[in-house]
Structure formats: structure tokens, C-alpha cells
Amino acid sequence: MRSFRAPVWTLTAVFLVAVASAVVLVAQSKRDFSVSGHKYAYVVADTKGADIRVGEGDMVTITFAADDIAHSFTISDDHYRIDKRAAPGQPVTFKFLADKVGEFEIRCTLAIDARCQREMRGKLIVTKADPGQPRR
């Protein structure tokens, strides 16, 4: 009888690990954003501002375009370290995992126009995942 129980427990353990892994994969949401730089401001499509709001664990895809002159999409945080540049007519698409909670400044670091460095600001806002809430 013991030889039968060992395979059952082993199969049960493997099944539980597989289910737990699937739950983690399902919990991660994919979030796509179109961001443009124009006249000293970022514009996030379908919003009224320059902030990108995501949940912890989201896989974020950003398509960044420059409408007038070259601009950068820069987050200088030690964790994210994002620095992408787009020229007019040459958008750039990049992905990252939002795995650090907090607010992170987005800015243009190009020296083409001094007003860009002073005025182009936005935020990446990553909120703590709430296990009781369904994902977007």
C-alpha cells in the first residue's frame, strides 16, 4: 500500500506547483502605452496627462514617438534605468516589467532645446498589487 501512496503524493505536489505557476502567469497583465513628445510635454494617449499608471508585476510596452524634434524618454532611477530616444517619424518601442513600486520621474534629457530638459516631465506610477482585486 505504501508504494501506491508515494506516487499519489508526488503527482499531487507536481500538480499544485503547476497550478501555482499558472496563477502567477495569469496575474501579470500586459499594459500598452503610446507616448509622444511635443512642445515641451509628454502626452500619454487616452489620458489627460503625462503619467503612466500600472500595477506591480505588469509587463509594460511603450511606443514612444517625437512629433517635432528628437526627444528622450528617460527614467534615471537605479532600478529601471530607461533611456530611449525617438526622432520625428522614428518611434521606438520597448518593454519592461513594473516590478518596483513607487513614483518615478520621466524626463527628456536631450540638449537640443533647453526647455525640453527643464519642462518635459511625466511620471511612471507603479502601485502595489492587491491580491484581492482582479487584474486589468
N, C-alpha and C. Protein backbone atom coordinates (compact mmCIF):
# COMPACT_ATOMS: atom_id res chain seq x y z
N MET A 1 0.81 -1.19 0.00
CA MET A 1 0.00 0.00 0.00
C MET A 1 0.86 1.26 0.00
N ARG A 2 2.00 1.21 0.64
CA ARG A 2 2.87 2.39 0.69
C ARG A 2 3.39 2.77 -0.69
N SER A 3 3.68 1.83 -1.51
CA SER A 3 4.21 2.13 -2.84
C SER A 3 3.19 2.87 -3.68
N PHE A 4 1.90 2.74 -3.41
CA PHE A 4 0.86 3.45 -4.13
C PHE A 4 0.74 4.89 -3.65
N ARG A 5 0.90 5.13 -2.36
CA ARG A 5 0.74 6.47 -1.79
C ARG A 5 1.85 7.42 -2.24
N ALA A 6 3.06 6.95 -2.34
CA ALA A 6 4.18 7.82 -2.72
C ALA A 6 3.95 8.45 -4.10
N PRO A 7 3.55 7.69 -5.13
CA PRO A 7 3.30 8.33 -6.43
C PRO A 7 2.13 9.31 -6.39
N VAL A 8 1.11 9.02 -5.58
CA VAL A 8 -0.04 9.93 -5.47
C VAL A 8 0.41 11.25 -4.87
N TRP A 9 1.19 11.22 -3.81
CA TRP A 9 1.68 12.46 -3.20
C TRP A 9 2.59 13.22 -4.15
N THR A 10 3.42 12.51 -4.87
CA THR A 10 4.31 13.15 -5.83
C THR A 10 3.51 13.83 -6.94
N LEU A 11 2.51 13.13 -7.47
CA LEU A 11 1.67 13.72 -8.51
C LEU A 11 0.88 14.92 -7.98
N THR A 12 0.41 14.83 -6.76
CA THR A 12 -0.32 15.94 -6.15
C THR A 12 0.59 17.16 -6.00
N ALA A 13 1.80 16.95 -5.54
CA ALA A 13 2.76 18.06 -5.38
C ALA A 13 3.08 18.70 -6.72
N VAL A 14 3.31 17.90 -7.73
CA VAL A 14 3.61 18.43 -9.07
C VAL A 14 2.42 19.24 -9.58
N PHE A 15 1.21 18.72 -9.40
CA PHE A 15 0.01 19.43 -9.83
C PHE A 15 -0.12 20.78 -9.12
N LEU A 16 0.09 20.83 -7.81
CA LEU A 16 -0.03 22.08 -7.07
C LEU A 16 1.01 23.10 -7.51
N VAL A 17 2.22 22.66 -7.79
CA VAL A 17 3.25 23.58 -8.29
C VAL A 17 2.84 24.12 -9.65
N ALA A 18 2.31 23.29 -10.51
CA ALA A 18 1.88 23.73 -11.84
C ALA A 18 0.75 24.75 -11.74
N VAL A 19 -0.21 24.51 -10.87
CA VAL A 19 -1.32 25.44 -10.68
C VAL A 19 -0.81 26.77 -10.13
N ALA A 20 0.07 26.73 -9.15
CA ALA A 20 0.62 27.97 -8.58
C ALA A 20 1.37 28.76 -9.64
N SER A 21 2.14 28.10 -10.50
CA SER A 21 2.86 28.78 -11.57
C SER A 21 1.90 29.43 -12.55
N ALA A 22 0.82 28.75 -12.87
CA ALA A 22 -0.16 29.29 -13.80
C ALA A 22 -0.84 30.52 -13.21
N VAL A 23 -1.11 30.51 -11.92
CA VAL A 23 -1.73 31.66 -11.26
C VAL A 23 -0.81 32.87 -11.34
N VAL A 24 0.47 32.68 -11.13
CA VAL A 24 1.43 33.79 -11.21
C VAL A 24 1.45 34.35 -12.62
N LEU A 25 1.44 33.50 -13.64
CA LEU A 25 1.45 33.97 -15.01
C LEU A 25 0.18 34.72 -15.36
N VAL A 26 -0.96 34.27 -14.89
CA VAL A 26 -2.23 34.94 -15.16
C VAL A 26 -2.28 36.29 -14.46
N ALA A 27 -1.68 36.41 -13.28
CA ALA A 27 -1.74 37.65 -12.52
C ALA A 27 -1.01 38.78 -13.21
N GLN A 28 -0.05 38.48 -14.05
CA GLN A 28 0.71 39.51 -14.74
C GLN A 28 -0.11 40.04 -15.91
N SER A 29 -0.37 41.35 -15.93
CA SER A 29 -1.11 41.97 -17.01
C SER A 29 -0.16 42.60 -18.00
N LYS A 30 -0.57 42.63 -19.24
CA LYS A 30 0.18 43.35 -20.26
C LYS A 30 -0.46 44.72 -20.42
N ARG A 31 0.36 45.76 -20.34
CA ARG A 31 -0.14 47.13 -20.46
C ARG A 31 0.60 47.82 -21.59
N ASP A 32 -0.12 48.34 -22.56
CA ASP A 32 0.47 49.02 -23.72
C ASP A 32 0.15 50.51 -23.65
N PHE A 33 1.17 51.34 -23.90
CA PHE A 33 1.00 52.78 -23.89
C PHE A 33 1.66 53.39 -25.11
N SER A 34 1.00 54.41 -25.67
CA SER A 34 1.59 55.24 -26.72
C SER A 34 1.87 56.59 -26.10
N VAL A 35 3.14 57.00 -26.16
CA VAL A 35 3.58 58.26 -25.56
C VAL A 35 4.23 59.09 -26.65
N SER A 36 3.86 60.37 -26.71
CA SER A 36 4.51 61.24 -27.68
C SER A 36 5.13 62.44 -26.96
N GLY A 37 6.22 62.93 -27.53
CA GLY A 37 6.87 64.13 -27.03
C GLY A 37 6.65 65.25 -28.02
N HIS A 38 6.15 66.40 -27.53
CA HIS A 38 5.84 67.52 -28.42
C HIS A 38 5.77 68.81 -27.61
N LYS A 39 6.47 69.81 -28.08
CA LYS A 39 6.39 71.14 -27.46
C LYS A 39 6.53 71.11 -25.95
N TYR A 40 7.59 70.50 -25.48
CA TYR A 40 7.97 70.53 -24.07
C TYR A 40 7.03 69.75 -23.15
N ALA A 41 6.36 68.74 -23.69
CA ALA A 41 5.47 67.94 -22.86
C ALA A 41 5.37 66.52 -23.42
N TYR A 42 5.11 65.59 -22.52
CA TYR A 42 4.76 64.22 -22.91
C TYR A 42 3.24 64.13 -22.95
N VAL A 43 2.74 63.35 -23.87
CA VAL A 43 1.32 63.08 -23.94
C VAL A 43 1.15 61.56 -23.98
N VAL A 44 0.43 61.03 -23.01
CA VAL A 44 0.12 59.60 -22.98
C VAL A 44 -1.25 59.44 -23.60
N ALA A 45 -1.33 58.69 -24.69
CA ALA A 45 -2.59 58.52 -25.42
C ALA A 45 -3.69 58.03 -24.49
N ASP A 46 -4.89 58.53 -24.73
CA ASP A 46 -6.09 58.15 -23.99
C ASP A 46 -6.06 58.58 -22.53
N THR A 47 -5.22 59.56 -22.19
CA THR A 47 -5.22 60.14 -20.85
C THR A 47 -5.20 61.65 -20.98
N LYS A 48 -5.33 62.33 -19.86
CA LYS A 48 -5.30 63.79 -19.88
C LYS A 48 -3.98 64.34 -19.37
N GLY A 49 -2.98 63.47 -19.24
CA GLY A 49 -1.73 63.96 -18.69
C GLY A 49 -0.53 63.20 -19.21
N ALA A 50 0.53 63.27 -18.42
CA ALA A 50 1.80 62.67 -18.81
C ALA A 50 2.18 61.52 -17.87
N ASP A 51 1.22 61.00 -17.12
CA ASP A 51 1.52 59.93 -16.17
C ASP A 51 1.12 58.57 -16.74
N ILE A 52 1.95 57.57 -16.45
CA ILE A 52 1.69 56.19 -16.83
C ILE A 52 1.45 55.43 -15.54
N ARG A 53 0.25 54.91 -15.37
CA ARG A 53 -0.13 54.19 -14.15
C ARG A 53 -0.25 52.71 -14.44
N VAL A 54 0.50 51.91 -13.67
CA VAL A 54 0.48 50.46 -13.83
C VAL A 54 0.50 49.81 -12.45
N GLY A 55 0.23 48.53 -12.42
CA GLY A 55 0.31 47.77 -11.19
C GLY A 55 1.61 46.99 -11.11
N GLU A 56 2.02 46.71 -9.91
CA GLU A 56 3.21 45.91 -9.69
C GLU A 56 3.05 44.56 -10.41
N GLY A 57 4.05 44.17 -11.15
CA GLY A 57 4.00 42.91 -11.88
C GLY A 57 3.51 43.03 -13.30
N ASP A 58 3.04 44.21 -13.71
CA ASP A 58 2.59 44.39 -15.08
C ASP A 58 3.77 44.39 -16.05
N MET A 59 3.57 43.79 -17.21
CA MET A 59 4.54 43.87 -18.30
C MET A 59 4.12 45.08 -19.14
N VAL A 60 4.98 46.09 -19.19
CA VAL A 60 4.64 47.36 -19.81
C VAL A 60 5.35 47.47 -21.17
N THR A 61 4.57 47.83 -22.19
CA THR A 61 5.11 48.11 -23.51
C THR A 61 4.81 49.57 -23.83
N ILE A 62 5.85 50.31 -24.18
CA ILE A 62 5.68 51.72 -24.51
C ILE A 62 6.17 51.95 -25.93
N THR A 63 5.33 52.59 -26.72
CA THR A 63 5.74 53.08 -28.04
C THR A 63 5.89 54.59 -27.88
N PHE A 64 7.12 55.05 -28.03
CA PHE A 64 7.45 56.46 -27.81
C PHE A 64 7.78 57.12 -29.14
N ALA A 65 7.10 58.25 -29.41
CA ALA A 65 7.30 58.97 -30.66
C ALA A 65 7.57 60.45 -30.37
N ALA A 66 8.34 61.07 -31.25
CA ALA A 66 8.61 62.50 -31.16
C ALA A 66 7.87 63.18 -32.31
N ASP A 67 7.13 64.23 -32.00
CA ASP A 67 6.32 64.89 -33.02
C ASP A 67 7.03 66.06 -33.71
N ASP A 68 7.95 66.74 -33.02
CA ASP A 68 8.54 67.95 -33.58
C ASP A 68 10.06 67.86 -33.74
N ILE A 69 10.77 67.61 -32.65
CA ILE A 69 12.22 67.41 -32.66
C ILE A 69 12.51 66.13 -31.90
N ALA A 70 13.75 65.69 -31.91
CA ALA A 70 14.10 64.48 -31.15
C ALA A 70 13.86 64.71 -29.66
N HIS A 71 13.36 63.68 -28.99
CA HIS A 71 13.12 63.72 -27.54
C HIS A 71 13.58 62.40 -26.95
N SER A 72 13.80 62.41 -25.63
CA SER A 72 14.12 61.15 -24.95
C SER A 72 13.05 60.84 -23.93
N PHE A 73 12.93 59.57 -23.63
CA PHE A 73 12.06 59.05 -22.57
C PHE A 73 13.03 58.45 -21.57
N THR A 74 13.30 59.19 -20.49
CA THR A 74 14.34 58.79 -19.56
C THR A 74 13.79 58.66 -18.15
N ILE A 75 14.06 57.52 -17.52
CA ILE A 75 13.82 57.31 -16.09
C ILE A 75 15.18 56.96 -15.52
N SER A 76 15.71 57.84 -14.66
CA SER A 76 17.07 57.68 -14.16
C SER A 76 17.16 56.92 -12.84
N ASP A 77 16.06 56.32 -12.40
CA ASP A 77 16.06 55.54 -11.17
C ASP A 77 17.07 54.40 -11.29
N ASP A 78 17.75 54.06 -10.21
CA ASP A 78 18.74 52.99 -10.23
C ASP A 78 18.14 51.64 -10.62
N HIS A 79 16.85 51.46 -10.40
CA HIS A 79 16.22 50.18 -10.71
C HIS A 79 15.83 50.08 -12.19
N TYR A 80 15.09 51.07 -12.70
CA TYR A 80 14.58 50.98 -14.07
C TYR A 80 15.60 51.39 -15.13
N ARG A 81 16.31 52.45 -14.97
CA ARG A 81 17.36 52.90 -15.91
C ARG A 81 16.91 52.82 -17.36
N ILE A 82 15.87 53.54 -17.70
CA ILE A 82 15.34 53.57 -19.06
C ILE A 82 15.81 54.86 -19.73
N ASP A 83 16.37 54.75 -20.92
CA ASP A 83 16.82 55.92 -21.67
C ASP A 83 16.65 55.62 -23.16
N LYS A 84 15.50 56.04 -23.69
CA LYS A 84 15.19 55.78 -25.10
C LYS A 84 15.03 57.12 -25.83
N ARG A 85 15.44 57.15 -27.09
CA ARG A 85 15.38 58.36 -27.89
C ARG A 85 14.55 58.10 -29.14
N ALA A 86 13.72 59.08 -29.49
CA ALA A 86 12.93 58.99 -30.72
C ALA A 86 13.10 60.28 -31.51
N ALA A 87 13.28 60.13 -32.79
CA ALA A 87 13.33 61.28 -33.70
C ALA A 87 11.98 61.36 -34.42
N PRO A 88 11.64 62.52 -34.97
CA PRO A 88 10.37 62.62 -35.71
C PRO A 88 10.29 61.55 -36.80
N GLY A 89 9.19 60.84 -36.82
CA GLY A 89 8.98 59.79 -37.81
C GLY A 89 9.70 58.49 -37.51
N GLN A 90 10.39 58.41 -36.36
CA GLN A 90 11.12 57.19 -36.00
C GLN A 90 10.80 56.79 -34.56
N PRO A 91 9.57 56.30 -34.33
CA PRO A 91 9.21 55.90 -32.96
C PRO A 91 10.03 54.70 -32.50
N VAL A 92 10.10 54.52 -31.20
CA VAL A 92 10.81 53.40 -30.61
C VAL A 92 9.84 52.67 -29.67
N THR A 93 9.89 51.34 -29.68
CA THR A 93 9.04 50.54 -28.79
C THR A 93 9.95 49.73 -27.88
N PHE A 94 9.60 49.73 -26.59
CA PHE A 94 10.39 48.98 -25.61
C PHE A 94 9.47 48.42 -24.54
N LYS A 95 9.98 47.41 -23.82
CA LYS A 95 9.20 46.72 -22.78
C LYS A 95 10.00 46.67 -21.49
N PHE A 96 9.27 46.61 -20.39
CA PHE A 96 9.91 46.37 -19.10
C PHE A 96 8.86 45.83 -18.13
N LEU A 97 9.33 45.16 -17.10
CA LEU A 97 8.47 44.64 -16.05
C LEU A 97 8.39 45.66 -14.93
N ALA A 98 7.18 46.06 -14.57
CA ALA A 98 6.98 47.03 -13.49
C ALA A 98 7.06 46.28 -12.16
N ASP A 99 8.28 46.06 -11.70
CA ASP A 99 8.47 45.23 -10.51
C ASP A 99 8.99 46.01 -9.31
N LYS A 100 8.95 47.34 -9.38
CA LYS A 100 9.31 48.17 -8.23
C LYS A 100 8.21 49.20 -8.03
N VAL A 101 7.60 49.19 -6.85
CA VAL A 101 6.51 50.10 -6.52
C VAL A 101 7.07 51.49 -6.23
N GLY A 102 6.36 52.52 -6.70
CA GLY A 102 6.76 53.89 -6.42
C GLY A 102 6.41 54.82 -7.57
N GLU A 103 6.85 56.07 -7.44
CA GLU A 103 6.68 57.07 -8.49
C GLU A 103 8.06 57.42 -9.03
N PHE A 104 8.19 57.39 -10.35
CA PHE A 104 9.47 57.59 -11.00
C PHE A 104 9.33 58.67 -12.06
N GLU A 105 10.19 59.67 -12.00
CA GLU A 105 10.11 60.80 -12.93
C GLU A 105 10.56 60.38 -14.33
N ILE A 106 9.75 60.77 -15.31
CA ILE A 106 10.10 60.61 -16.72
C ILE A 106 10.50 62.01 -17.19
N ARG A 107 11.61 62.10 -17.92
CA ARG A 107 12.04 63.41 -18.40
C ARG A 107 12.80 63.28 -19.71
N CYS A 108 12.92 64.40 -20.40
CA CYS A 108 13.71 64.46 -21.62
C CYS A 108 15.09 64.96 -21.23
N THR A 109 16.11 64.25 -21.65
CA THR A 109 17.48 64.61 -21.28
C THR A 109 18.29 65.14 -22.46
N LEU A 110 17.67 65.29 -23.62
CA LEU A 110 18.40 65.77 -24.79
C LEU A 110 18.64 67.28 -24.70
N ALA A 111 19.78 67.72 -25.19
CA ALA A 111 20.17 69.13 -25.10
C ALA A 111 19.81 69.91 -26.37
N ILE A 112 18.96 69.36 -27.21
CA ILE A 112 18.56 70.05 -28.45
C ILE A 112 17.86 71.36 -28.12
N ASP A 113 17.01 71.35 -27.12
CA ASP A 113 16.27 72.55 -26.69
C ASP A 113 16.27 72.56 -25.16
N ALA A 114 16.80 73.62 -24.57
CA ALA A 114 16.92 73.70 -23.12
C ALA A 114 15.57 73.60 -22.42
N ARG A 115 14.51 74.06 -23.06
CA ARG A 115 13.18 73.97 -22.44
C ARG A 115 12.75 72.52 -22.26
N CYS A 116 13.18 71.64 -23.16
CA CYS A 116 12.84 70.22 -23.01
C CYS A 116 13.38 69.69 -21.69
N GLN A 117 14.65 69.97 -21.41
CA GLN A 117 15.26 69.47 -20.18
C GLN A 117 14.59 70.06 -18.94
N ARG A 118 14.15 71.30 -19.02
CA ARG A 118 13.50 71.95 -17.86
C ARG A 118 12.04 71.56 -17.69
N GLU A 119 11.31 71.41 -18.80
CA GLU A 119 9.85 71.33 -18.71
C GLU A 119 9.23 69.97 -19.02
N MET A 120 9.90 69.13 -19.80
CA MET A 120 9.28 67.84 -20.17
C MET A 120 9.38 66.88 -19.00
N ARG A 121 8.24 66.66 -18.35
CA ARG A 121 8.17 65.79 -17.19
C ARG A 121 6.91 64.94 -17.24
N GLY A 122 7.03 63.77 -16.70
CA GLY A 122 5.90 62.87 -16.53
C GLY A 122 6.25 61.94 -15.39
N LYS A 123 5.38 60.98 -15.11
CA LYS A 123 5.64 60.02 -14.05
C LYS A 123 5.23 58.62 -14.46
N LEU A 124 6.05 57.68 -14.04
CA LEU A 124 5.67 56.27 -14.05
C LEU A 124 5.22 55.99 -12.63
N ILE A 125 3.98 55.59 -12.47
CA ILE A 125 3.42 55.31 -11.14
C ILE A 125 3.10 53.82 -11.08
N VAL A 126 3.82 53.11 -10.22
CA VAL A 126 3.63 51.67 -10.06
C VAL A 126 3.01 51.45 -8.69
N THR A 127 1.79 50.92 -8.67
CA THR A 127 1.08 50.69 -7.41
C THR A 127 1.23 49.24 -6.96
N LYS A 128 1.16 49.06 -5.67
CA LYS A 128 1.27 47.73 -5.07
C LYS A 128 0.14 46.85 -5.55
N ALA A 129 0.46 45.63 -5.93
CA ALA A 129 -0.56 44.68 -6.37
C ALA A 129 -1.43 44.29 -5.18
N ASP A 130 -2.73 44.27 -5.40
CA ASP A 130 -3.68 43.86 -4.38
C ASP A 130 -4.19 42.48 -4.74
N PRO A 131 -3.77 41.44 -3.97
CA PRO A 131 -4.14 40.08 -4.34
C PRO A 131 -5.65 39.84 -4.36
N GLY A 132 -6.43 40.69 -3.71
CA GLY A 132 -7.88 40.50 -3.67
C GLY A 132 -8.59 41.12 -4.85
N GLN A 133 -7.89 41.93 -5.65
CA GLN A 133 -8.54 42.61 -6.77
C GLN A 133 -8.21 41.91 -8.09
N PRO A 134 -9.18 41.82 -8.98
CA PRO A 134 -8.87 41.26 -10.32
C PRO A 134 -7.96 42.20 -11.09
N ARG A 135 -7.11 41.62 -11.95
CA ARG A 135 -6.18 42.43 -12.75
C ARG A 135 -6.91 43.03 -13.94
N ARG A 136 -6.35 44.13 -14.46
CA ARG A 136 -6.93 44.82 -15.61
C ARG A 136 -6.71 44.01 -16.85
